[in-house]
């Protein structure tokens, strides 16, 4: 029985079966056709946050022991609106909220590069809030072109 696809009839005795019904060789039973990469917004968000946090940890030793977590939504809105992140200095934790960062940010151009810039900017602002520093001071070389 084939793992992938239909069962094949055995070749008649006396001649080798070289081609399938449409003139092609059959596929191997162990190798499936290539599938497209999974590129969801959540995976891209996680990748962008992870690379930005690693950059900041390499630059600022104060952030090496800080846990950066990603949550879907904040538990409740505050008086100032829906938070993009929360800071817990006692637990040494920064929690970023994916949906508010992606949905409430205003993109002047809707493409992957600008979405990545919005996410990186949120991570820098959250880290600056944690360290009580200006976000532009955290990575001065990162924004020079």
N, C-alpha and C. Protein backbone atom coordinates (compact mmCIF):
# COMPACT_ATOMS: atom_id res chain seq x y z
N UNK A 1 0.84 -1.17 0.00
CA UNK A 1 0.00 0.00 0.00
C UNK A 1 0.88 1.24 0.00
N UNK A 2 0.50 2.22 -0.76
CA UNK A 2 1.28 3.44 -0.88
C UNK A 2 1.01 4.36 0.31
N UNK A 3 2.05 5.05 0.74
CA UNK A 3 1.90 5.99 1.84
C UNK A 3 1.21 7.25 1.33
N UNK A 4 1.57 7.68 0.16
CA UNK A 4 1.04 8.91 -0.41
C UNK A 4 0.41 8.58 -1.74
N UNK A 5 -0.82 8.89 -1.94
CA UNK A 5 -1.47 8.66 -3.22
C UNK A 5 -2.21 7.34 -3.26
N UNK A 6 -2.48 6.88 -4.44
CA UNK A 6 -3.25 5.66 -4.64
C UNK A 6 -2.34 4.45 -4.75
N UNK A 7 -2.94 3.30 -4.56
CA UNK A 7 -2.18 2.05 -4.75
C UNK A 7 -1.98 1.84 -6.24
N UNK A 8 -0.85 1.29 -6.61
CA UNK A 8 -0.56 1.02 -8.01
C UNK A 8 -0.70 -0.47 -8.29
N UNK A 9 -1.10 -0.73 -9.50
CA UNK A 9 -1.16 -2.12 -9.92
C UNK A 9 0.25 -2.58 -10.25
N UNK A 10 0.57 -3.81 -9.95
CA UNK A 10 1.91 -4.28 -10.30
C UNK A 10 2.09 -4.34 -11.81
N UNK A 11 3.34 -4.17 -12.24
CA UNK A 11 3.64 -4.23 -13.67
C UNK A 11 3.45 -5.65 -14.17
N UNK A 12 2.98 -5.79 -15.41
CA UNK A 12 2.83 -7.15 -15.96
C UNK A 12 4.17 -7.85 -16.02
N UNK A 13 4.14 -9.16 -15.83
CA UNK A 13 5.38 -9.93 -15.87
C UNK A 13 6.01 -9.83 -17.25
N UNK A 14 7.32 -9.79 -17.24
CA UNK A 14 8.03 -9.79 -18.51
C UNK A 14 8.49 -8.41 -18.93
N UNK A 15 7.87 -7.38 -18.49
CA UNK A 15 8.37 -6.05 -18.87
C UNK A 15 8.37 -5.14 -17.64
N UNK A 16 9.36 -4.31 -17.60
CA UNK A 16 9.50 -3.40 -16.45
C UNK A 16 8.58 -2.20 -16.64
N UNK A 17 8.04 -1.76 -15.56
CA UNK A 17 7.18 -0.58 -15.63
C UNK A 17 8.05 0.65 -15.45
N UNK A 18 8.19 1.44 -16.49
CA UNK A 18 9.04 2.61 -16.44
C UNK A 18 8.24 3.90 -16.33
N UNK A 19 7.07 3.93 -16.88
CA UNK A 19 6.29 5.16 -16.93
C UNK A 19 4.90 4.91 -16.39
N UNK A 20 4.36 5.95 -15.84
CA UNK A 20 3.00 5.88 -15.33
C UNK A 20 1.99 6.12 -16.44
N UNK A 21 0.79 6.36 -16.05
CA UNK A 21 -0.30 6.51 -16.99
C UNK A 21 -0.14 7.71 -17.90
N UNK A 22 0.49 8.77 -17.41
CA UNK A 22 0.64 9.99 -18.20
C UNK A 22 2.04 10.18 -18.74
N UNK A 23 2.84 9.11 -18.81
CA UNK A 23 4.17 9.20 -19.37
C UNK A 23 5.23 9.66 -18.40
N UNK A 24 4.90 9.74 -17.11
CA UNK A 24 5.88 10.15 -16.11
C UNK A 24 6.14 8.99 -15.18
N UNK A 25 7.31 9.05 -14.56
CA UNK A 25 7.59 8.06 -13.54
C UNK A 25 6.75 8.36 -12.31
N UNK A 26 6.45 7.34 -11.56
CA UNK A 26 5.68 7.55 -10.35
C UNK A 26 6.52 8.21 -9.27
N UNK A 27 5.85 8.81 -8.33
CA UNK A 27 6.55 9.43 -7.21
C UNK A 27 6.99 8.37 -6.22
N UNK A 28 8.03 8.70 -5.53
CA UNK A 28 8.50 7.82 -4.48
C UNK A 28 7.46 7.77 -3.38
N UNK A 29 7.34 6.64 -2.72
CA UNK A 29 6.35 6.51 -1.67
C UNK A 29 6.79 7.24 -0.39
N UNK A 30 8.07 7.57 -0.28
CA UNK A 30 8.57 8.21 0.93
C UNK A 30 8.68 9.72 0.81
N UNK A 31 8.69 10.24 -0.39
CA UNK A 31 8.88 11.68 -0.58
C UNK A 31 7.59 12.28 -1.11
N UNK A 32 7.06 13.23 -0.38
CA UNK A 32 5.85 13.91 -0.83
C UNK A 32 6.23 15.12 -1.66
N UNK A 33 5.30 15.69 -2.37
CA UNK A 33 5.62 16.90 -3.12
C UNK A 33 5.96 18.03 -2.16
N UNK A 34 6.81 18.96 -2.59
CA UNK A 34 7.19 20.05 -1.68
C UNK A 34 5.98 20.92 -1.33
N UNK A 35 5.91 21.31 -0.08
CA UNK A 35 4.83 22.15 0.39
C UNK A 35 5.34 23.57 0.59
N UNK A 36 4.49 24.56 0.42
CA UNK A 36 4.96 25.93 0.63
C UNK A 36 5.29 26.17 2.09
N UNK A 37 6.21 27.13 2.32
CA UNK A 37 6.57 27.47 3.68
C UNK A 37 5.39 28.11 4.38
N UNK A 38 5.32 27.89 5.66
CA UNK A 38 4.26 28.50 6.45
C UNK A 38 4.76 29.87 6.88
N UNK A 39 4.13 30.90 6.38
CA UNK A 39 4.51 32.27 6.72
C UNK A 39 3.27 33.01 7.21
N UNK A 40 2.93 32.81 8.45
CA UNK A 40 1.80 33.51 9.00
C UNK A 40 2.27 34.80 9.64
N UNK A 41 1.33 35.69 9.90
CA UNK A 41 1.69 36.95 10.55
C UNK A 41 2.27 36.70 11.93
N UNK A 42 1.72 35.73 12.64
CA UNK A 42 2.22 35.44 13.99
C UNK A 42 3.66 34.94 13.94
N UNK A 43 4.00 34.09 12.96
CA UNK A 43 5.38 33.61 12.84
C UNK A 43 6.33 34.73 12.46
N UNK A 44 5.91 35.61 11.58
CA UNK A 44 6.75 36.75 11.21
C UNK A 44 6.93 37.68 12.40
N UNK A 45 5.86 37.88 13.17
CA UNK A 45 5.95 38.72 14.37
C UNK A 45 6.95 38.11 15.35
N UNK A 46 6.84 36.81 15.62
CA UNK A 46 7.76 36.15 16.55
C UNK A 46 9.21 36.25 16.09
N UNK A 47 9.43 36.06 14.80
CA UNK A 47 10.79 36.14 14.26
C UNK A 47 11.36 37.56 14.39
N UNK A 48 10.55 38.56 14.10
CA UNK A 48 11.01 39.95 14.21
C UNK A 48 11.30 40.32 15.65
N UNK A 49 10.40 39.94 16.56
CA UNK A 49 10.62 40.24 17.97
C UNK A 49 11.88 39.53 18.46
N UNK A 50 12.04 38.26 18.10
CA UNK A 50 13.21 37.50 18.55
C UNK A 50 14.52 38.09 18.08
N UNK A 51 14.59 38.48 16.81
CA UNK A 51 15.84 39.05 16.30
C UNK A 51 16.12 40.42 16.92
N UNK A 52 15.09 41.21 17.15
CA UNK A 52 15.28 42.52 17.77
C UNK A 52 15.72 42.39 19.22
N UNK A 53 15.11 41.46 19.95
CA UNK A 53 15.49 41.24 21.35
C UNK A 53 16.93 40.73 21.44
N UNK A 54 17.34 39.85 20.56
CA UNK A 54 18.72 39.37 20.57
C UNK A 54 19.70 40.50 20.30
N UNK A 55 19.35 41.40 19.39
CA UNK A 55 20.21 42.56 19.15
C UNK A 55 20.33 43.41 20.42
N UNK A 56 19.18 43.67 21.06
CA UNK A 56 19.21 44.50 22.27
C UNK A 56 19.95 43.82 23.41
N UNK A 57 19.79 42.53 23.55
CA UNK A 57 20.51 41.81 24.61
C UNK A 57 22.02 41.84 24.37
N UNK A 58 22.43 41.80 23.14
CA UNK A 58 23.85 41.87 22.83
C UNK A 58 24.42 43.25 23.07
N UNK A 59 23.58 44.27 22.99
CA UNK A 59 24.03 45.64 23.16
C UNK A 59 23.92 46.11 24.61
N UNK A 60 22.87 45.72 25.29
CA UNK A 60 22.60 46.17 26.66
C UNK A 60 22.61 44.99 27.61
N UNK A 61 23.64 44.88 28.46
CA UNK A 61 23.70 43.76 29.42
C UNK A 61 22.54 43.74 30.42
N UNK A 62 21.91 44.89 30.65
CA UNK A 62 20.78 44.93 31.59
C UNK A 62 19.58 44.13 31.10
N UNK A 63 19.52 43.87 29.79
CA UNK A 63 18.38 43.16 29.22
C UNK A 63 18.62 41.65 29.07
N UNK A 64 19.81 41.17 29.43
CA UNK A 64 20.11 39.75 29.21
C UNK A 64 19.28 38.82 30.08
N UNK A 65 18.91 39.25 31.26
CA UNK A 65 18.12 38.41 32.16
C UNK A 65 16.64 38.74 32.13
N UNK A 66 16.22 39.59 31.22
CA UNK A 66 14.82 39.99 31.12
C UNK A 66 14.09 39.03 30.18
N UNK A 67 12.95 38.51 30.64
CA UNK A 67 12.12 37.66 29.79
C UNK A 67 11.24 38.54 28.91
N UNK A 68 11.26 38.30 27.63
CA UNK A 68 10.37 39.00 26.71
C UNK A 68 9.36 37.98 26.23
N UNK A 69 8.11 38.25 26.54
CA UNK A 69 7.04 37.33 26.19
C UNK A 69 6.11 37.99 25.17
N UNK A 70 5.46 37.16 24.39
CA UNK A 70 4.50 37.64 23.41
C UNK A 70 3.14 37.09 23.79
N UNK A 71 2.17 37.98 23.90
CA UNK A 71 0.80 37.58 24.19
C UNK A 71 -0.09 38.09 23.06
N UNK A 72 -1.25 37.50 22.97
CA UNK A 72 -2.16 37.86 21.89
C UNK A 72 -2.78 39.24 22.14
N UNK A 73 -3.41 39.41 23.32
CA UNK A 73 -4.07 40.66 23.68
C UNK A 73 -3.83 40.96 25.15
N UNK A 74 -3.87 42.22 25.56
CA UNK A 74 -3.77 42.54 26.99
C UNK A 74 -5.05 42.11 27.71
N UNK A 75 -4.96 41.89 29.03
CA UNK A 75 -6.15 41.43 29.75
C UNK A 75 -7.30 42.43 29.70
N UNK A 76 -7.02 43.72 29.78
CA UNK A 76 -8.07 44.74 29.74
C UNK A 76 -7.46 46.07 29.31
N UNK A 77 -8.26 46.91 28.66
CA UNK A 77 -7.73 48.23 28.30
C UNK A 77 -7.55 49.10 29.54
N UNK A 78 -6.65 50.05 29.44
CA UNK A 78 -6.42 50.99 30.53
C UNK A 78 -7.12 52.31 30.21
N UNK A 79 -6.95 53.28 31.10
CA UNK A 79 -7.54 54.61 30.85
C UNK A 79 -6.92 55.28 29.63
N UNK A 80 -5.69 54.92 29.32
CA UNK A 80 -4.98 55.51 28.18
C UNK A 80 -5.28 54.79 26.88
N UNK A 81 -5.98 53.68 26.91
CA UNK A 81 -6.30 52.92 25.71
C UNK A 81 -5.82 51.49 25.84
N UNK A 82 -5.61 50.85 24.71
CA UNK A 82 -5.14 49.47 24.70
C UNK A 82 -3.61 49.48 24.71
N UNK A 83 -2.99 48.86 25.72
CA UNK A 83 -1.52 48.88 25.78
C UNK A 83 -0.89 47.99 24.71
N UNK A 84 0.26 48.40 24.22
CA UNK A 84 1.02 47.60 23.25
C UNK A 84 1.95 46.63 23.98
N UNK A 85 2.35 46.98 25.21
CA UNK A 85 3.22 46.14 26.03
C UNK A 85 2.99 46.48 27.49
N UNK A 86 3.43 45.58 28.36
CA UNK A 86 3.43 45.84 29.80
C UNK A 86 4.81 45.50 30.35
N UNK A 87 5.19 46.21 31.39
CA UNK A 87 6.49 46.05 32.03
C UNK A 87 6.27 45.56 33.45
N UNK A 88 6.99 44.51 33.85
CA UNK A 88 6.97 44.03 35.23
C UNK A 88 8.43 43.95 35.68
N UNK A 89 8.91 45.00 36.35
CA UNK A 89 10.32 45.06 36.75
C UNK A 89 10.64 44.06 37.85
N UNK A 90 9.71 43.77 38.73
CA UNK A 90 9.96 42.80 39.80
C UNK A 90 10.19 41.40 39.24
N UNK A 91 9.39 41.02 38.26
CA UNK A 91 9.54 39.70 37.64
C UNK A 91 10.54 39.73 36.48
N UNK A 92 11.09 40.92 36.17
CA UNK A 92 12.03 41.10 35.05
C UNK A 92 11.41 40.58 33.76
N UNK A 93 10.25 41.16 33.42
CA UNK A 93 9.49 40.67 32.27
C UNK A 93 8.92 41.83 31.46
N UNK A 94 9.02 41.69 30.14
CA UNK A 94 8.35 42.58 29.20
C UNK A 94 7.38 41.71 28.41
N UNK A 95 6.12 42.10 28.38
CA UNK A 95 5.12 41.35 27.62
C UNK A 95 4.64 42.23 26.47
N UNK A 96 4.85 41.76 25.25
CA UNK A 96 4.40 42.47 24.06
C UNK A 96 3.08 41.87 23.60
N UNK A 97 2.15 42.71 23.17
CA UNK A 97 0.84 42.26 22.70
C UNK A 97 0.77 42.38 21.19
N UNK A 98 0.67 41.24 20.54
CA UNK A 98 0.77 41.18 19.08
C UNK A 98 -0.35 41.93 18.36
N UNK A 99 -1.58 41.68 18.73
CA UNK A 99 -2.70 42.27 17.98
C UNK A 99 -2.71 43.80 18.06
N UNK A 100 -2.56 44.41 19.23
CA UNK A 100 -2.53 45.88 19.24
C UNK A 100 -1.35 46.47 18.46
N UNK A 101 -0.20 45.81 18.53
CA UNK A 101 0.96 46.34 17.80
C UNK A 101 0.70 46.27 16.30
N UNK A 102 0.15 45.16 15.84
CA UNK A 102 -0.07 45.01 14.39
C UNK A 102 -1.28 45.81 13.90
N UNK A 103 -2.35 45.82 14.64
CA UNK A 103 -3.60 46.39 14.13
C UNK A 103 -3.74 47.89 14.38
N UNK A 104 -3.24 48.38 15.51
CA UNK A 104 -3.46 49.78 15.86
C UNK A 104 -2.34 50.69 15.39
N UNK A 105 -1.29 50.14 14.84
CA UNK A 105 -0.20 50.97 14.33
C UNK A 105 -0.58 51.45 12.93
N UNK A 106 -0.20 52.67 12.64
CA UNK A 106 -0.56 53.25 11.35
C UNK A 106 0.61 53.08 10.38
N UNK A 107 0.38 52.28 9.37
CA UNK A 107 1.39 52.07 8.34
C UNK A 107 1.15 53.05 7.20
N UNK A 108 2.18 53.74 6.77
CA UNK A 108 1.99 54.61 5.61
C UNK A 108 2.17 53.83 4.32
N UNK A 109 2.74 52.64 4.42
CA UNK A 109 2.85 51.74 3.27
C UNK A 109 2.67 50.32 3.81
N UNK A 110 1.73 49.59 3.28
CA UNK A 110 1.39 48.26 3.80
C UNK A 110 2.23 47.20 3.08
N UNK A 111 3.43 46.97 3.59
CA UNK A 111 4.29 45.91 3.06
C UNK A 111 5.08 45.30 4.20
N UNK A 112 5.82 44.24 3.91
CA UNK A 112 6.54 43.50 4.96
C UNK A 112 7.59 44.35 5.66
N UNK A 113 8.28 45.18 4.91
CA UNK A 113 9.34 46.00 5.51
C UNK A 113 8.76 46.98 6.54
N UNK A 114 7.67 47.63 6.21
CA UNK A 114 7.10 48.61 7.13
C UNK A 114 6.44 47.92 8.33
N UNK A 115 5.86 46.73 8.12
CA UNK A 115 5.33 45.99 9.26
C UNK A 115 6.45 45.60 10.22
N UNK A 116 7.58 45.19 9.65
CA UNK A 116 8.73 44.83 10.49
C UNK A 116 9.25 46.05 11.25
N UNK A 117 9.26 47.21 10.62
CA UNK A 117 9.72 48.42 11.29
C UNK A 117 8.79 48.78 12.45
N UNK A 118 7.50 48.60 12.28
CA UNK A 118 6.54 48.88 13.36
C UNK A 118 6.80 47.96 14.55
N UNK A 119 7.03 46.68 14.27
CA UNK A 119 7.26 45.70 15.34
C UNK A 119 8.58 46.01 16.04
N UNK A 120 9.65 46.27 15.27
CA UNK A 120 10.94 46.61 15.88
C UNK A 120 10.82 47.87 16.72
N UNK A 121 10.09 48.86 16.23
CA UNK A 121 9.91 50.09 16.99
C UNK A 121 9.20 49.84 18.32
N UNK A 122 8.21 48.96 18.32
CA UNK A 122 7.51 48.63 19.57
C UNK A 122 8.44 47.94 20.55
N UNK A 123 9.30 47.03 20.05
CA UNK A 123 10.24 46.34 20.93
C UNK A 123 11.24 47.34 21.52
N UNK A 124 11.74 48.26 20.69
CA UNK A 124 12.67 49.27 21.18
C UNK A 124 12.01 50.19 22.21
N UNK A 125 10.75 50.59 21.95
CA UNK A 125 10.07 51.45 22.91
C UNK A 125 9.79 50.73 24.22
N UNK A 126 9.43 49.44 24.16
CA UNK A 126 9.20 48.66 25.37
C UNK A 126 10.50 48.49 26.16
N UNK A 127 11.60 48.20 25.47
CA UNK A 127 12.89 48.06 26.15
C UNK A 127 13.34 49.40 26.73
N UNK A 128 13.10 50.49 26.01
CA UNK A 128 13.42 51.81 26.53
C UNK A 128 12.59 52.15 27.76
N UNK A 129 11.34 51.75 27.74
CA UNK A 129 10.47 51.94 28.90
C UNK A 129 10.98 51.13 30.10
N UNK A 130 11.43 49.91 29.84
CA UNK A 130 11.96 49.06 30.91
C UNK A 130 13.23 49.65 31.52
N UNK A 131 14.11 50.18 30.66
CA UNK A 131 15.39 50.72 31.12
C UNK A 131 15.32 52.20 31.50
N UNK A 132 14.18 52.83 31.33
CA UNK A 132 14.01 54.27 31.54
C UNK A 132 14.99 55.07 30.69
N UNK A 133 15.07 54.71 29.42
CA UNK A 133 15.93 55.40 28.46
C UNK A 133 15.12 55.73 27.21
N UNK A 134 15.67 56.62 26.43
CA UNK A 134 15.05 56.94 25.15
C UNK A 134 15.28 55.77 24.20
N UNK A 135 14.26 55.32 23.47
CA UNK A 135 14.44 54.19 22.55
C UNK A 135 15.50 54.44 21.48
N UNK A 136 15.68 55.70 21.08
CA UNK A 136 16.67 56.00 20.05
C UNK A 136 18.09 55.81 20.57
N UNK A 137 18.28 55.85 21.89
CA UNK A 137 19.61 55.64 22.47
C UNK A 137 19.98 54.16 22.56
N UNK A 138 19.01 53.28 22.43
CA UNK A 138 19.28 51.85 22.59
C UNK A 138 20.04 51.26 21.41
N UNK A 139 19.79 51.75 20.24
CA UNK A 139 20.47 51.21 19.06
C UNK A 139 20.82 52.30 18.08
N UNK A 140 21.74 53.18 18.43
CA UNK A 140 22.03 54.31 17.52
C UNK A 140 22.60 53.86 16.19
N UNK A 141 23.37 52.78 16.17
CA UNK A 141 23.95 52.32 14.90
C UNK A 141 22.94 51.58 14.05
N UNK A 142 21.88 51.09 14.63
CA UNK A 142 20.89 50.32 13.88
C UNK A 142 20.09 51.18 12.91
N UNK A 143 19.95 52.46 13.21
CA UNK A 143 19.10 53.31 12.39
C UNK A 143 19.87 54.28 11.51
N UNK A 144 21.18 54.08 11.40
CA UNK A 144 21.97 54.91 10.49
C UNK A 144 22.04 54.23 9.14
N UNK A 145 21.76 54.98 8.10
CA UNK A 145 21.78 54.40 6.76
C UNK A 145 22.84 55.06 5.93
